[in-house]
């Protein structure tokens, strides 16, 4: 938006000035751009949260580590952090709708995974499952933030509670929820992103 507004003003003034847009977003969700700066740093830092979730999950019988990562409309951070990790059992992203109950649902997968290994790690992007959350709470959010983005509900807290409630009568489980959003946003960029800049 900013580059377009500057370009329009330059055109009105008939100036010979070039405008270059720089792909800056840690979400890496700009169409046509292969890589935005900040993304590598975010994925690298997300690994720390996933590692912590794995340690917590393995510390308890039927332990679940749930990590919520950034990604309003795209799950690139969650997906890449999952691919880079050897510890994630389930990655939920906005691009792939999912359901909780019934055959093929998340609860069935959790039950199977806990029986197989006694623990699991789930990574969820903040925009994943918003339809389930809105339906469950019988409301649709139309509020927007200062940038004009639709305000999202906290899928991490909601799904944590749903998992606990579902398994309460079936088995004892321990779920640790980690939301490292501001820790990821606040770290200095890594070498790869510095070179990109």
N, C-alpha and C. Protein backbone atom coordinates (compact mmCIF):
# COMPACT_ATOMS: atom_id res chain seq x y z
N UNK A 1 0.83 -1.20 0.00
CA UNK A 1 0.00 0.00 0.00
C UNK A 1 0.86 1.25 0.00
N UNK A 2 1.89 1.22 0.82
CA UNK A 2 2.76 2.39 0.93
C UNK A 2 3.50 2.67 -0.37
N UNK A 3 4.04 1.62 -0.99
CA UNK A 3 4.77 1.77 -2.25
C UNK A 3 3.83 2.28 -3.35
N UNK A 4 2.59 1.77 -3.38
CA UNK A 4 1.62 2.18 -4.39
C UNK A 4 1.26 3.66 -4.22
N UNK A 5 1.08 4.10 -2.96
CA UNK A 5 0.75 5.51 -2.71
C UNK A 5 1.90 6.43 -3.11
N UNK A 6 3.13 6.02 -2.80
CA UNK A 6 4.30 6.81 -3.18
C UNK A 6 4.41 6.88 -4.70
N UNK A 7 4.20 5.75 -5.38
CA UNK A 7 4.25 5.70 -6.84
C UNK A 7 3.23 6.64 -7.47
N UNK A 8 2.02 6.64 -6.95
CA UNK A 8 0.97 7.53 -7.50
C UNK A 8 1.35 9.00 -7.35
N UNK A 9 1.93 9.35 -6.21
CA UNK A 9 2.35 10.74 -5.99
C UNK A 9 3.50 11.11 -6.93
N UNK A 10 4.44 10.20 -7.12
CA UNK A 10 5.56 10.45 -8.04
C UNK A 10 5.04 10.64 -9.46
N UNK A 11 4.06 9.83 -9.85
CA UNK A 11 3.49 9.94 -11.19
C UNK A 11 2.78 11.28 -11.37
N UNK A 12 2.05 11.71 -10.34
CA UNK A 12 1.37 13.01 -10.41
C UNK A 12 2.37 14.14 -10.60
N UNK A 13 3.50 14.04 -9.93
CA UNK A 13 4.52 15.09 -10.00
C UNK A 13 5.44 14.94 -11.20
N UNK A 14 5.26 13.86 -11.96
CA UNK A 14 6.08 13.58 -13.16
C UNK A 14 7.57 13.55 -12.84
N UNK A 15 7.89 12.88 -11.74
CA UNK A 15 9.28 12.75 -11.31
C UNK A 15 9.86 11.44 -11.84
N UNK A 16 11.18 11.41 -12.02
CA UNK A 16 11.86 10.20 -12.45
C UNK A 16 12.43 9.51 -11.21
N UNK A 17 11.56 8.78 -10.53
CA UNK A 17 11.95 8.09 -9.30
C UNK A 17 11.42 6.66 -9.37
N UNK A 18 12.25 5.71 -9.02
CA UNK A 18 11.84 4.31 -8.98
C UNK A 18 11.39 3.96 -7.56
N UNK A 19 10.40 3.13 -7.46
CA UNK A 19 9.91 2.66 -6.16
C UNK A 19 10.11 1.14 -6.12
N UNK A 20 10.79 0.68 -5.09
CA UNK A 20 11.02 -0.76 -4.93
C UNK A 20 10.34 -1.24 -3.66
N UNK A 21 9.52 -2.28 -3.77
CA UNK A 21 8.89 -2.88 -2.60
C UNK A 21 9.78 -3.96 -2.04
N UNK A 22 9.98 -3.96 -0.75
CA UNK A 22 10.84 -4.95 -0.10
C UNK A 22 9.95 -5.95 0.64
N UNK A 23 10.12 -7.25 0.36
CA UNK A 23 9.25 -8.27 0.95
C UNK A 23 9.56 -8.55 2.41
N UNK A 24 9.06 -7.68 3.30
CA UNK A 24 9.33 -7.83 4.73
C UNK A 24 8.08 -8.36 5.44
N UNK A 25 8.10 -9.61 5.77
CA UNK A 25 7.10 -10.22 6.64
C UNK A 25 7.65 -11.55 7.11
N UNK A 26 7.57 -11.79 8.39
CA UNK A 26 8.10 -13.07 8.86
C UNK A 26 7.22 -14.23 8.42
N UNK A 27 5.98 -13.95 8.01
CA UNK A 27 5.05 -15.02 7.62
C UNK A 27 5.38 -15.63 6.25
N UNK A 28 6.19 -14.97 5.44
CA UNK A 28 6.57 -15.44 4.10
C UNK A 28 5.36 -15.67 3.21
N UNK A 29 4.33 -14.84 3.36
CA UNK A 29 3.06 -15.06 2.67
C UNK A 29 2.76 -14.03 1.57
N UNK A 30 3.79 -13.54 0.92
CA UNK A 30 3.61 -12.59 -0.18
C UNK A 30 3.60 -13.38 -1.49
N UNK A 31 2.50 -13.32 -2.24
CA UNK A 31 2.46 -14.07 -3.50
C UNK A 31 3.62 -13.70 -4.43
N UNK A 32 4.12 -14.66 -5.14
CA UNK A 32 5.18 -14.56 -6.14
C UNK A 32 6.58 -14.46 -5.51
N UNK A 33 6.68 -13.95 -4.29
CA UNK A 33 7.98 -13.81 -3.63
C UNK A 33 8.36 -15.16 -3.02
N UNK A 34 9.55 -15.65 -3.35
CA UNK A 34 10.00 -16.94 -2.81
C UNK A 34 10.36 -16.86 -1.33
N UNK A 35 10.89 -15.72 -0.93
CA UNK A 35 11.37 -15.62 0.44
C UNK A 35 11.31 -14.18 0.91
N UNK A 36 10.71 -13.96 2.07
CA UNK A 36 10.69 -12.63 2.67
C UNK A 36 11.66 -12.62 3.84
N UNK A 37 12.25 -11.45 4.11
CA UNK A 37 13.21 -11.46 5.21
C UNK A 37 12.50 -11.43 6.55
N UNK A 38 13.06 -12.15 7.49
CA UNK A 38 12.45 -12.37 8.80
C UNK A 38 11.95 -13.79 8.95
N UNK A 39 11.66 -14.44 7.82
CA UNK A 39 11.09 -15.78 7.84
C UNK A 39 12.06 -16.81 8.40
N UNK A 40 13.29 -16.82 7.91
CA UNK A 40 14.27 -17.80 8.40
C UNK A 40 14.49 -17.67 9.90
N UNK A 41 14.55 -16.44 10.38
CA UNK A 41 14.74 -16.20 11.81
C UNK A 41 13.55 -16.74 12.59
N UNK A 42 12.34 -16.49 12.09
CA UNK A 42 11.13 -16.96 12.78
C UNK A 42 11.10 -18.48 12.86
N UNK A 43 11.44 -19.15 11.78
CA UNK A 43 11.44 -20.62 11.78
C UNK A 43 12.49 -21.14 12.75
N UNK A 44 13.67 -20.53 12.72
CA UNK A 44 14.74 -20.96 13.62
C UNK A 44 14.34 -20.79 15.08
N UNK A 45 13.72 -19.67 15.40
CA UNK A 45 13.31 -19.41 16.79
C UNK A 45 12.14 -20.30 17.20
N UNK A 46 11.27 -20.61 16.24
CA UNK A 46 10.14 -21.51 16.53
C UNK A 46 10.64 -22.88 16.97
N UNK A 47 11.82 -23.27 16.49
CA UNK A 47 12.41 -24.55 16.88
C UNK A 47 12.62 -24.64 18.39
N UNK A 48 12.97 -23.52 19.00
CA UNK A 48 13.18 -23.52 20.45
C UNK A 48 11.88 -23.86 21.19
N UNK A 49 10.77 -23.29 20.71
CA UNK A 49 9.47 -23.56 21.33
C UNK A 49 9.07 -25.02 21.12
N UNK A 50 9.31 -25.54 19.93
CA UNK A 50 8.98 -26.94 19.63
C UNK A 50 9.83 -27.87 20.49
N UNK A 51 11.11 -27.55 20.63
CA UNK A 51 11.99 -28.37 21.48
C UNK A 51 11.49 -28.38 22.93
N UNK A 52 11.08 -27.22 23.42
CA UNK A 52 10.56 -27.12 24.79
C UNK A 52 9.27 -27.94 24.93
N UNK A 53 8.40 -27.86 23.92
CA UNK A 53 7.15 -28.62 23.95
C UNK A 53 7.43 -30.13 23.96
N UNK A 54 8.45 -30.54 23.21
CA UNK A 54 8.80 -31.96 23.17
C UNK A 54 9.32 -32.44 24.53
N UNK A 55 10.17 -31.63 25.14
CA UNK A 55 10.70 -31.99 26.47
C UNK A 55 9.55 -32.11 27.47
N UNK A 56 8.63 -31.15 27.45
CA UNK A 56 7.47 -31.19 28.35
C UNK A 56 6.62 -32.43 28.08
N UNK A 57 6.35 -32.71 26.80
CA UNK A 57 5.49 -33.84 26.45
C UNK A 57 6.08 -35.16 26.89
N UNK A 58 7.40 -35.31 26.76
CA UNK A 58 8.04 -36.59 27.13
C UNK A 58 8.23 -36.72 28.64
N UNK A 59 7.95 -35.67 29.38
CA UNK A 59 8.13 -35.70 30.83
C UNK A 59 6.92 -36.29 31.56
N UNK A 60 5.84 -36.55 30.83
CA UNK A 60 4.62 -37.05 31.44
C UNK A 60 4.06 -38.21 30.63
N UNK A 61 3.37 -39.12 31.30
CA UNK A 61 2.64 -40.14 30.58
C UNK A 61 1.48 -39.46 29.88
N UNK A 62 1.28 -39.76 28.62
CA UNK A 62 0.25 -39.10 27.80
C UNK A 62 0.44 -37.58 27.80
N UNK A 63 1.68 -37.17 27.61
CA UNK A 63 1.99 -35.75 27.56
C UNK A 63 1.80 -35.19 26.15
N UNK A 64 1.22 -34.00 26.10
CA UNK A 64 1.03 -33.31 24.82
C UNK A 64 1.66 -31.93 24.92
N UNK A 65 2.52 -31.61 23.98
CA UNK A 65 3.07 -30.27 23.86
C UNK A 65 2.38 -29.59 22.68
N UNK A 66 1.73 -28.48 22.93
CA UNK A 66 1.01 -27.76 21.88
C UNK A 66 1.66 -26.39 21.70
N UNK A 67 2.12 -26.12 20.47
CA UNK A 67 2.81 -24.85 20.18
C UNK A 67 1.99 -24.09 19.14
N UNK A 68 1.62 -22.85 19.49
CA UNK A 68 0.93 -22.00 18.52
C UNK A 68 1.95 -21.03 17.91
N UNK A 69 2.00 -21.03 16.58
CA UNK A 69 2.94 -20.16 15.88
C UNK A 69 2.18 -19.16 15.02
N UNK A 70 2.88 -18.13 14.54
CA UNK A 70 2.25 -17.11 13.71
C UNK A 70 1.82 -17.72 12.38
N UNK A 71 0.87 -17.06 11.74
CA UNK A 71 0.36 -17.50 10.45
C UNK A 71 -1.13 -17.29 10.38
N UNK A 72 -1.53 -16.06 10.06
CA UNK A 72 -2.96 -15.73 10.01
C UNK A 72 -3.68 -16.48 8.89
N UNK A 73 -3.14 -16.36 7.69
CA UNK A 73 -3.79 -16.95 6.52
C UNK A 73 -2.93 -18.02 5.85
N UNK A 74 -1.70 -18.13 6.27
CA UNK A 74 -0.81 -19.14 5.71
C UNK A 74 0.04 -19.73 6.82
N UNK A 75 0.33 -21.01 6.69
CA UNK A 75 1.04 -21.71 7.75
C UNK A 75 2.49 -21.99 7.44
N UNK A 76 3.16 -21.07 6.74
CA UNK A 76 4.54 -21.33 6.34
C UNK A 76 5.48 -21.50 7.54
N UNK A 77 5.36 -20.66 8.56
CA UNK A 77 6.24 -20.80 9.73
C UNK A 77 5.98 -22.14 10.41
N UNK A 78 4.72 -22.45 10.65
CA UNK A 78 4.37 -23.72 11.31
C UNK A 78 4.84 -24.91 10.48
N UNK A 79 4.61 -24.85 9.17
CA UNK A 79 4.98 -25.97 8.30
C UNK A 79 6.49 -26.16 8.23
N UNK A 80 7.23 -25.07 8.03
CA UNK A 80 8.69 -25.19 7.92
C UNK A 80 9.32 -25.59 9.25
N UNK A 81 8.80 -25.05 10.36
CA UNK A 81 9.32 -25.45 11.67
C UNK A 81 9.04 -26.92 11.93
N UNK A 82 7.88 -27.39 11.48
CA UNK A 82 7.53 -28.81 11.62
C UNK A 82 8.46 -29.68 10.78
N UNK A 83 8.68 -29.28 9.53
CA UNK A 83 9.57 -30.05 8.64
C UNK A 83 11.00 -30.10 9.19
N UNK A 84 11.43 -29.02 9.82
CA UNK A 84 12.79 -28.96 10.36
C UNK A 84 12.93 -29.75 11.66
N UNK A 85 11.80 -30.02 12.30
CA UNK A 85 11.83 -30.73 13.58
C UNK A 85 11.66 -32.23 13.38
N UNK A 86 12.22 -32.98 14.28
CA UNK A 86 12.00 -34.43 14.26
C UNK A 86 10.97 -34.82 15.31
N UNK A 87 10.37 -33.84 15.94
CA UNK A 87 9.53 -34.11 17.11
C UNK A 87 8.05 -33.81 16.92
N UNK A 88 7.65 -33.18 15.83
CA UNK A 88 6.26 -32.78 15.65
C UNK A 88 5.46 -33.93 15.04
N UNK A 89 4.34 -34.23 15.67
CA UNK A 89 3.47 -35.31 15.20
C UNK A 89 2.31 -34.80 14.36
N UNK A 90 1.92 -33.56 14.56
CA UNK A 90 0.76 -33.01 13.86
C UNK A 90 0.95 -31.51 13.67
N UNK A 91 0.75 -31.04 12.44
CA UNK A 91 0.87 -29.61 12.11
C UNK A 91 -0.46 -29.15 11.50
N UNK A 92 -1.08 -28.17 12.12
CA UNK A 92 -2.38 -27.66 11.67
C UNK A 92 -2.18 -26.25 11.12
N UNK A 93 -2.58 -26.05 9.85
CA UNK A 93 -2.37 -24.76 9.17
C UNK A 93 -3.68 -24.28 8.55
N UNK A 94 -3.81 -22.97 8.30
CA UNK A 94 -5.04 -22.42 7.74
C UNK A 94 -5.40 -22.99 6.37
N UNK A 95 -4.41 -23.37 5.59
CA UNK A 95 -4.66 -23.87 4.23
C UNK A 95 -5.33 -25.23 4.20
N UNK A 96 -5.26 -25.97 5.30
CA UNK A 96 -5.81 -27.33 5.35
C UNK A 96 -6.84 -27.44 6.47
N UNK A 97 -8.12 -27.35 6.12
CA UNK A 97 -9.16 -27.47 7.15
C UNK A 97 -9.08 -28.83 7.86
N UNK A 98 -9.46 -28.85 9.11
CA UNK A 98 -9.46 -30.09 9.87
C UNK A 98 -10.71 -30.13 10.73
N UNK A 99 -10.98 -31.30 11.30
CA UNK A 99 -12.11 -31.44 12.21
C UNK A 99 -11.65 -32.20 13.44
N UNK A 100 -12.41 -32.08 14.50
CA UNK A 100 -11.99 -32.66 15.77
C UNK A 100 -12.50 -34.08 16.01
N UNK A 101 -13.79 -34.28 15.79
CA UNK A 101 -14.41 -35.54 16.19
C UNK A 101 -14.65 -36.48 15.02
N UNK A 102 -14.82 -37.76 15.35
CA UNK A 102 -15.15 -38.75 14.34
C UNK A 102 -13.92 -39.36 13.69
N UNK A 103 -14.21 -40.25 12.74
CA UNK A 103 -13.16 -40.96 12.02
C UNK A 103 -12.31 -39.97 11.21
N UNK A 104 -11.00 -40.03 11.41
CA UNK A 104 -10.10 -39.13 10.70
C UNK A 104 -9.95 -37.77 11.36
N UNK A 105 -10.60 -37.58 12.50
CA UNK A 105 -10.53 -36.31 13.21
C UNK A 105 -9.29 -36.20 14.09
N UNK A 106 -9.04 -35.00 14.56
CA UNK A 106 -7.87 -34.75 15.39
C UNK A 106 -7.88 -35.58 16.67
N UNK A 107 -9.04 -35.70 17.33
CA UNK A 107 -9.10 -36.46 18.58
C UNK A 107 -8.70 -37.92 18.34
N UNK A 108 -9.15 -38.51 17.25
CA UNK A 108 -8.80 -39.89 16.93
C UNK A 108 -7.28 -40.02 16.73
N UNK A 109 -6.69 -39.04 16.02
CA UNK A 109 -5.25 -39.07 15.79
C UNK A 109 -4.47 -38.95 17.10
N UNK A 110 -4.92 -38.04 17.97
CA UNK A 110 -4.26 -37.87 19.27
C UNK A 110 -4.31 -39.17 20.07
N UNK A 111 -5.49 -39.78 20.12
CA UNK A 111 -5.67 -41.03 20.85
C UNK A 111 -4.71 -42.11 20.33
N UNK A 112 -4.64 -42.25 19.02
CA UNK A 112 -3.77 -43.25 18.39
C UNK A 112 -2.30 -42.96 18.70
N UNK A 113 -1.91 -41.70 18.57
CA UNK A 113 -0.51 -41.33 18.79
C UNK A 113 -0.08 -41.55 20.24
N UNK A 114 -0.94 -41.18 21.19
CA UNK A 114 -0.62 -41.36 22.60
C UNK A 114 -0.50 -42.84 22.95
N UNK A 115 -1.35 -43.68 22.35
CA UNK A 115 -1.26 -45.12 22.60
C UNK A 115 0.02 -45.70 22.01
N UNK A 116 0.47 -45.15 20.88
CA UNK A 116 1.69 -45.64 20.23
C UNK A 116 2.95 -45.24 20.97
N UNK A 117 3.04 -43.96 21.36
CA UNK A 117 4.32 -43.50 21.91
C UNK A 117 4.23 -42.87 23.30
N UNK A 118 3.04 -42.63 23.79
CA UNK A 118 2.90 -42.08 25.14
C UNK A 118 3.03 -40.57 25.22
N UNK A 119 3.33 -39.92 24.11
CA UNK A 119 3.42 -38.46 24.09
C UNK A 119 3.28 -37.96 22.65
N UNK A 120 3.06 -36.67 22.49
CA UNK A 120 3.03 -36.10 21.14
C UNK A 120 3.20 -34.59 21.19
N UNK A 121 3.59 -34.02 20.03
CA UNK A 121 3.74 -32.57 19.87
C UNK A 121 2.85 -32.14 18.71
N UNK A 122 2.07 -31.09 18.97
CA UNK A 122 1.19 -30.51 17.96
C UNK A 122 1.64 -29.07 17.73
N UNK A 123 1.77 -28.68 16.47
CA UNK A 123 2.05 -27.29 16.10
C UNK A 123 0.81 -26.78 15.38
N UNK A 124 0.36 -25.59 15.75
CA UNK A 124 -0.81 -25.00 15.12
C UNK A 124 -0.53 -23.55 14.75
N UNK A 125 -0.85 -23.18 13.52
CA UNK A 125 -0.73 -21.78 13.11
C UNK A 125 -1.94 -21.01 13.64
N UNK A 126 -1.75 -19.75 13.98
CA UNK A 126 -2.80 -18.98 14.63
C UNK A 126 -4.09 -18.88 13.83
N UNK A 127 -4.01 -18.97 12.51
CA UNK A 127 -5.21 -18.86 11.68
C UNK A 127 -5.92 -20.18 11.43
N UNK A 128 -5.32 -21.28 11.84
CA UNK A 128 -5.93 -22.60 11.62
C UNK A 128 -7.15 -22.78 12.52
N UNK A 129 -8.17 -23.43 12.00
CA UNK A 129 -9.33 -23.79 12.81
C UNK A 129 -10.21 -22.65 13.27
N UNK A 130 -10.05 -21.46 12.71
CA UNK A 130 -10.86 -20.33 13.14
C UNK A 130 -12.35 -20.58 12.89
N UNK A 131 -12.67 -21.33 11.82
CA UNK A 131 -14.06 -21.66 11.53
C UNK A 131 -14.64 -22.54 12.64
N UNK A 132 -13.88 -23.49 13.14
CA UNK A 132 -14.34 -24.35 14.23
C UNK A 132 -14.57 -23.55 15.50
N UNK A 133 -13.66 -22.65 15.77
CA UNK A 133 -13.74 -21.83 16.98
C UNK A 133 -14.97 -20.93 16.93
N UNK A 134 -15.18 -20.25 15.80
CA UNK A 134 -16.33 -19.35 15.65
C UNK A 134 -17.64 -20.12 15.76
N UNK A 135 -17.69 -21.31 15.13
CA UNK A 135 -18.88 -22.15 15.17
C UNK A 135 -19.16 -22.61 16.60
N UNK A 136 -18.12 -23.00 17.30
CA UNK A 136 -18.24 -23.48 18.67
C UNK A 136 -18.72 -22.37 19.61
N UNK A 137 -18.24 -21.16 19.39
CA UNK A 137 -18.59 -20.05 20.26
C UNK A 137 -19.83 -19.30 19.77
N UNK A 138 -20.40 -19.77 18.66
CA UNK A 138 -21.61 -19.18 18.08
C UNK A 138 -21.46 -17.69 17.80
N UNK A 139 -20.28 -17.34 17.31
CA UNK A 139 -20.06 -15.94 16.96
C UNK A 139 -19.09 -15.83 15.80
N UNK A 140 -19.20 -14.75 15.11
CA UNK A 140 -18.29 -14.49 13.99
C UNK A 140 -17.66 -13.12 14.25
N UNK A 141 -16.36 -13.09 14.31
CA UNK A 141 -15.66 -11.85 14.62
C UNK A 141 -15.46 -11.02 13.36
N UNK A 142 -15.89 -9.77 13.43
CA UNK A 142 -15.66 -8.85 12.32
C UNK A 142 -14.81 -7.68 12.78
N UNK A 143 -14.31 -7.74 14.00
CA UNK A 143 -13.44 -6.68 14.49
C UNK A 143 -12.11 -6.76 13.78
N UNK A 144 -11.48 -5.59 13.59
CA UNK A 144 -10.20 -5.54 12.87
C UNK A 144 -9.16 -4.83 13.71
N UNK A 145 -7.89 -5.17 13.46
CA UNK A 145 -6.80 -4.50 14.17
C UNK A 145 -6.43 -3.21 13.43
N UNK A 146 -5.40 -2.52 13.92
CA UNK A 146 -5.00 -1.23 13.34
C UNK A 146 -4.58 -1.33 11.88
N UNK A 147 -4.13 -2.51 11.46
CA UNK A 147 -3.71 -2.71 10.07
C UNK A 147 -4.85 -3.15 9.16
N UNK A 148 -6.04 -3.31 9.74
CA UNK A 148 -7.19 -3.73 8.94
C UNK A 148 -7.36 -5.23 8.85
N UNK A 149 -6.56 -5.98 9.60
CA UNK A 149 -6.69 -7.44 9.61
C UNK A 149 -7.79 -7.87 10.57
N UNK A 150 -8.53 -8.91 10.18
CA UNK A 150 -9.57 -9.45 11.05
C UNK A 150 -8.91 -9.96 12.33
N UNK A 151 -9.47 -9.59 13.48
CA UNK A 151 -8.93 -10.07 14.75
C UNK A 151 -9.26 -11.55 14.90
N UNK A 152 -8.25 -12.34 15.19
CA UNK A 152 -8.43 -13.77 15.35
C UNK A 152 -8.62 -14.11 16.82
N UNK A 153 -9.38 -15.17 17.05
CA UNK A 153 -9.53 -15.67 18.42
C UNK A 153 -8.34 -16.58 18.69
N UNK A 154 -8.05 -16.84 19.96
CA UNK A 154 -6.89 -17.65 20.31
C UNK A 154 -7.20 -19.13 20.13
N UNK A 155 -6.84 -19.65 18.97
CA UNK A 155 -7.09 -21.06 18.65
C UNK A 155 -6.32 -21.97 19.59
N UNK A 156 -5.15 -21.54 20.04
CA UNK A 156 -4.33 -22.38 20.91
C UNK A 156 -5.00 -22.66 22.24
N UNK A 157 -5.50 -21.62 22.89
CA UNK A 157 -6.19 -21.81 24.17
C UNK A 157 -7.46 -22.64 23.98
N UNK A 158 -8.21 -22.33 22.92
CA UNK A 158 -9.47 -23.03 22.67
C UNK A 158 -9.25 -24.52 22.42
N UNK A 159 -8.31 -24.84 21.53
CA UNK A 159 -8.10 -26.25 21.19
C UNK A 159 -7.48 -27.01 22.36
N UNK A 160 -6.66 -26.33 23.17
CA UNK A 160 -6.11 -26.96 24.38
C UNK A 160 -7.24 -27.43 25.29
N UNK A 161 -8.21 -26.55 25.51
CA UNK A 161 -9.33 -26.88 26.38
C UNK A 161 -10.20 -27.98 25.78
N UNK A 162 -10.41 -27.93 24.47
CA UNK A 162 -11.22 -28.97 23.81
C UNK A 162 -10.55 -30.34 23.93
N UNK A 163 -9.23 -30.38 23.77
CA UNK A 163 -8.50 -31.65 23.91
C UNK A 163 -8.63 -32.17 25.34
N UNK A 164 -8.41 -31.30 26.32
CA UNK A 164 -8.52 -31.71 27.73
C UNK A 164 -9.92 -32.23 28.04
N UNK A 165 -10.94 -31.50 27.59
CA UNK A 165 -12.32 -31.91 27.86
C UNK A 165 -12.64 -33.25 27.21
N UNK A 166 -12.20 -33.43 25.97
CA UNK A 166 -12.51 -34.67 25.25
C UNK A 166 -11.90 -35.90 25.92
N UNK A 167 -10.67 -35.78 26.39
CA UNK A 167 -9.98 -36.94 26.95
C UNK A 167 -10.14 -37.08 28.46
N UNK A 168 -10.84 -36.16 29.11
CA UNK A 168 -10.96 -36.16 30.57
C UNK A 168 -11.49 -37.49 31.12
N UNK A 169 -12.46 -38.09 30.44
CA UNK A 169 -13.05 -39.33 30.94
C UNK A 169 -12.35 -40.58 30.41
N UNK A 170 -11.54 -40.42 29.36
CA UNK A 170 -10.89 -41.57 28.73
C UNK A 170 -9.53 -41.90 29.32
N UNK A 171 -8.76 -40.87 29.62
CA UNK A 171 -7.40 -41.09 30.10
C UNK A 171 -6.90 -39.83 30.80
N UNK A 172 -5.86 -40.02 31.58
CA UNK A 172 -5.20 -38.87 32.20
C UNK A 172 -4.13 -38.40 31.24
N UNK A 173 -4.21 -37.13 30.88
CA UNK A 173 -3.15 -36.57 30.03
C UNK A 173 -2.71 -35.22 30.59
N UNK A 174 -1.53 -34.83 30.21
CA UNK A 174 -0.98 -33.53 30.62
C UNK A 174 -0.68 -32.76 29.35
N UNK A 175 -1.30 -31.59 29.22
CA UNK A 175 -1.10 -30.77 28.03
C UNK A 175 -0.41 -29.47 28.42
N UNK A 176 0.68 -29.17 27.76
CA UNK A 176 1.42 -27.92 27.97
C UNK A 176 1.27 -27.07 26.72
N UNK A 177 0.73 -25.86 26.89
CA UNK A 177 0.49 -24.96 25.76
C UNK A 177 1.56 -23.87 25.75
N UNK A 178 2.21 -23.70 24.60
CA UNK A 178 3.28 -22.70 24.46
C UNK A 178 2.93 -21.74 23.33
N UNK A 179 2.91 -20.45 23.63
CA UNK A 179 2.67 -19.41 22.63
C UNK A 179 3.90 -18.48 22.62
N UNK A 180 4.86 -18.73 21.73
CA UNK A 180 6.10 -17.96 21.72
C UNK A 180 6.08 -16.74 20.79
N UNK A 181 4.89 -16.27 20.41
CA UNK A 181 4.75 -15.22 19.40
C UNK A 181 5.71 -14.06 19.60
N UNK A 182 5.66 -13.42 20.77
CA UNK A 182 6.47 -12.21 20.96
C UNK A 182 7.94 -12.54 21.17
N UNK A 183 8.25 -13.72 21.65
CA UNK A 183 9.65 -14.13 21.73
C UNK A 183 10.23 -14.27 20.33
N UNK A 184 9.44 -14.81 19.41
CA UNK A 184 9.90 -14.98 18.04
C UNK A 184 10.05 -13.63 17.35
N UNK A 185 9.09 -12.75 17.57
CA UNK A 185 9.13 -11.43 16.93
C UNK A 185 10.27 -10.55 17.45
N UNK A 186 10.70 -10.79 18.67
CA UNK A 186 11.61 -9.86 19.33
C UNK A 186 13.09 -10.22 19.20
N UNK A 187 13.42 -11.35 18.59
CA UNK A 187 14.84 -11.73 18.51
C UNK A 187 15.53 -11.02 17.35
N UNK A 188 16.84 -10.80 17.47
CA UNK A 188 17.59 -10.24 16.33
C UNK A 188 17.57 -11.22 15.17
N UNK A 189 17.64 -10.71 13.96
CA UNK A 189 17.62 -11.59 12.79
C UNK A 189 18.88 -12.44 12.74
N UNK A 190 18.71 -13.63 12.15
CA UNK A 190 19.86 -14.53 12.02
C UNK A 190 20.71 -14.14 10.81
N UNK A 191 21.80 -14.85 10.60
CA UNK A 191 22.73 -14.51 9.52
C UNK A 191 22.07 -14.57 8.15
N UNK A 192 21.25 -15.58 7.91
CA UNK A 192 20.58 -15.74 6.63
C UNK A 192 19.69 -14.54 6.29
N UNK A 193 18.89 -14.09 7.28
CA UNK A 193 18.03 -12.93 7.05
C UNK A 193 18.83 -11.64 6.92
N UNK A 194 19.94 -11.52 7.65
CA UNK A 194 20.79 -10.34 7.51
C UNK A 194 21.38 -10.25 6.09
N UNK A 195 21.80 -11.39 5.55
CA UNK A 195 22.33 -11.41 4.18
C UNK A 195 21.23 -11.05 3.20
N UNK A 196 20.04 -11.57 3.40
CA UNK A 196 18.90 -11.28 2.53
C UNK A 196 18.61 -9.77 2.54
N UNK A 197 18.67 -9.17 3.72
CA UNK A 197 18.42 -7.72 3.83
C UNK A 197 19.50 -6.93 3.06
